[in-house]
Amino acid sequence: MKKLKGPPGGTGGNLSKKKTAGFILKLYIAGNESNSRRAVEVVREICRQNLGQNYDLRIIDVFKDFNSALQDKVLVAPTLVWLKKGGPAYLIGNFTRQRLLEFLGLPERAGGEK
């Protein structure tokens, strides 16, 4: 499992901290498959460009940590799990920039789809 957080000094990082990130995300991938690589690329880009220091992103390879996937009820990779108040939200399958922005409730920035 790879753990990423916002820029140094941010609120991202360890989930056990009292002050947690505004966006707590887990991205489940399947090894080095093309859909998984694309999902990692798009999610990282959106986090860097739109969330600043306000996120905690964990990338979990289901081939290495299948138990975490079962715990989060993830059966397909790639899947992005957003842990938020009211329960988790899931984005499954191929991620486009627009689809991810809509999922997170973020406005589109100039430049559009890559």
Protein backbone atom coordinates (compact mmCIF):
# COMPACT_ATOMS: atom_id res chain seq x y z
CA MET A 1 0.00 0.00 0.00
CA LYS A 2 1.36 3.37 -0.99
CA LYS A 3 0.35 6.31 1.16
CA LEU A 4 0.37 9.78 -0.27
CA LYS A 5 -0.53 12.98 1.42
CA GLY A 6 -0.79 16.61 0.57
CA PRO A 7 2.31 18.78 0.41
CA PRO A 8 4.59 18.90 3.50
CA GLY A 9 3.00 20.63 6.46
CA GLY A 10 -0.48 19.76 5.22
CA THR A 11 -3.32 18.11 7.05
CA GLY A 12 -2.96 14.91 5.04
CA GLY A 13 -1.13 11.91 6.40
CA ASN A 14 -1.88 9.65 9.32
CA LEU A 15 -5.61 9.09 9.76
CA SER A 16 -5.17 8.82 13.52
CA LYS A 17 -4.20 12.48 13.85
CA LYS A 18 -6.77 14.62 15.64
CA LYS A 19 -6.95 17.04 12.72
CA THR A 20 -7.72 14.93 9.65
CA ALA A 21 -7.72 15.77 5.97
CA GLY A 22 -10.91 17.08 4.40
CA PHE A 23 -10.77 14.41 1.68
CA ILE A 24 -9.83 10.92 2.82
CA LEU A 25 -9.42 8.78 -0.29
CA LYS A 26 -8.42 5.18 -0.92
CA LEU A 27 -7.64 4.17 -4.47
CA TYR A 28 -7.76 0.43 -5.07
CA ILE A 29 -5.77 -0.69 -8.09
CA ALA A 30 -4.88 -4.02 -9.70
CA GLY A 31 -1.13 -4.10 -10.04
CA ASN A 32 0.34 -2.30 -13.03
CA GLU A 33 -2.68 -2.69 -15.33
CA SER A 34 -3.31 0.21 -17.72
CA ASN A 35 -6.64 1.18 -16.09
CA SER A 36 -4.95 1.22 -12.70
CA ARG A 37 -2.04 3.35 -13.93
CA ARG A 38 -4.47 5.81 -15.52
CA ALA A 39 -6.55 5.98 -12.32
CA VAL A 40 -3.46 6.75 -10.22
CA GLU A 41 -2.41 9.46 -12.68
CA VAL A 42 -5.82 11.17 -12.76
CA VAL A 43 -6.43 10.97 -9.01
CA ARG A 44 -2.98 12.33 -8.16
CA GLU A 45 -3.41 15.18 -10.64
CA ILE A 46 -6.82 16.18 -9.27
CA CYS A 47 -5.57 16.00 -5.69
CA ARG A 48 -2.51 18.16 -6.43
CA GLN A 49 -4.38 20.72 -8.52
CA ASN A 50 -7.67 20.97 -6.65
CA LEU A 51 -7.26 19.84 -3.05
CA GLY A 52 -4.01 21.51 -2.01
CA GLN A 53 -3.11 20.14 1.42
CA ASN A 54 -6.65 19.05 2.19
CA TYR A 55 -6.41 15.34 1.37
CA ASP A 56 -5.09 11.97 2.43
CA LEU A 57 -4.68 9.56 -0.48
CA ARG A 58 -3.83 5.90 -0.03
CA ILE A 59 -3.12 3.71 -3.04
CA ILE A 60 -3.80 0.06 -2.35
CA ASP A 61 -2.88 -2.75 -4.73
CA VAL A 62 -5.52 -5.48 -4.32
CA PHE A 63 -2.96 -8.10 -5.36
CA LYS A 64 -0.89 -7.19 -2.28
CA ASP A 65 -3.64 -6.22 0.19
CA PHE A 66 -6.86 -7.99 -0.70
CA ASN A 67 -8.13 -7.85 2.90
CA SER A 68 -8.38 -4.05 2.79
CA ALA A 69 -10.43 -4.32 -0.39
CA LEU A 70 -12.80 -6.77 1.31
CA GLN A 71 -13.10 -4.50 4.34
CA ASP A 72 -14.09 -1.57 2.12
CA LYS A 73 -16.40 -3.80 0.05
CA VAL A 74 -14.35 -3.25 -3.11
CA LEU A 75 -14.77 -5.96 -5.73
CA VAL A 76 -13.49 -4.18 -8.85
CA ALA A 77 -10.29 -2.25 -9.51
CA PRO A 78 -9.77 0.55 -10.02
CA THR A 79 -12.14 1.87 -7.37
CA LEU A 80 -11.83 5.13 -5.49
CA VAL A 81 -13.35 5.13 -2.02
CA TRP A 82 -14.07 8.53 -0.49
CA LEU A 83 -14.45 8.20 3.28
CA LYS A 84 -16.80 11.01 4.21
CA LYS A 85 -19.46 11.83 6.74
CA GLY A 86 -22.59 9.82 6.12
CA GLY A 87 -20.65 6.83 4.77
CA PRO A 88 -18.23 6.01 2.00
CA ALA A 89 -18.77 6.93 -1.65
CA TYR A 90 -17.41 4.80 -4.49
CA LEU A 91 -16.17 5.66 -7.97
CA ILE A 92 -15.64 2.50 -9.99
CA GLY A 93 -13.99 1.84 -13.34
CA ASN A 94 -12.25 4.13 -15.79
CA PHE A 95 -11.64 7.57 -14.34
CA THR A 96 -11.77 10.67 -16.46
CA ARG A 97 -10.86 14.05 -15.10
CA GLN A 98 -14.45 15.28 -15.45
CA ARG A 99 -15.94 12.20 -13.80
CA LEU A 100 -13.58 12.48 -10.84
CA LEU A 101 -14.24 16.20 -10.39
CA GLU A 102 -17.99 15.56 -10.40
CA PHE A 103 -17.61 12.68 -7.92
CA LEU A 104 -15.69 14.92 -5.49
CA GLY A 105 -18.01 17.89 -6.08
CA LEU A 106 -15.20 20.06 -7.40
CA PRO A 107 -15.45 22.72 -10.12
CA GLU A 108 -13.76 22.19 -13.47
CA ARG A 109 -10.59 24.23 -13.85
CA ALA A 110 -9.45 25.83 -17.07
CA GLY A 111 -7.68 23.37 -19.35
CA GLY A 112 -10.31 20.64 -19.33
CA GLU A 113 -9.79 16.96 -20.05
CA LYS A 114 -6.29 15.63 -20.65
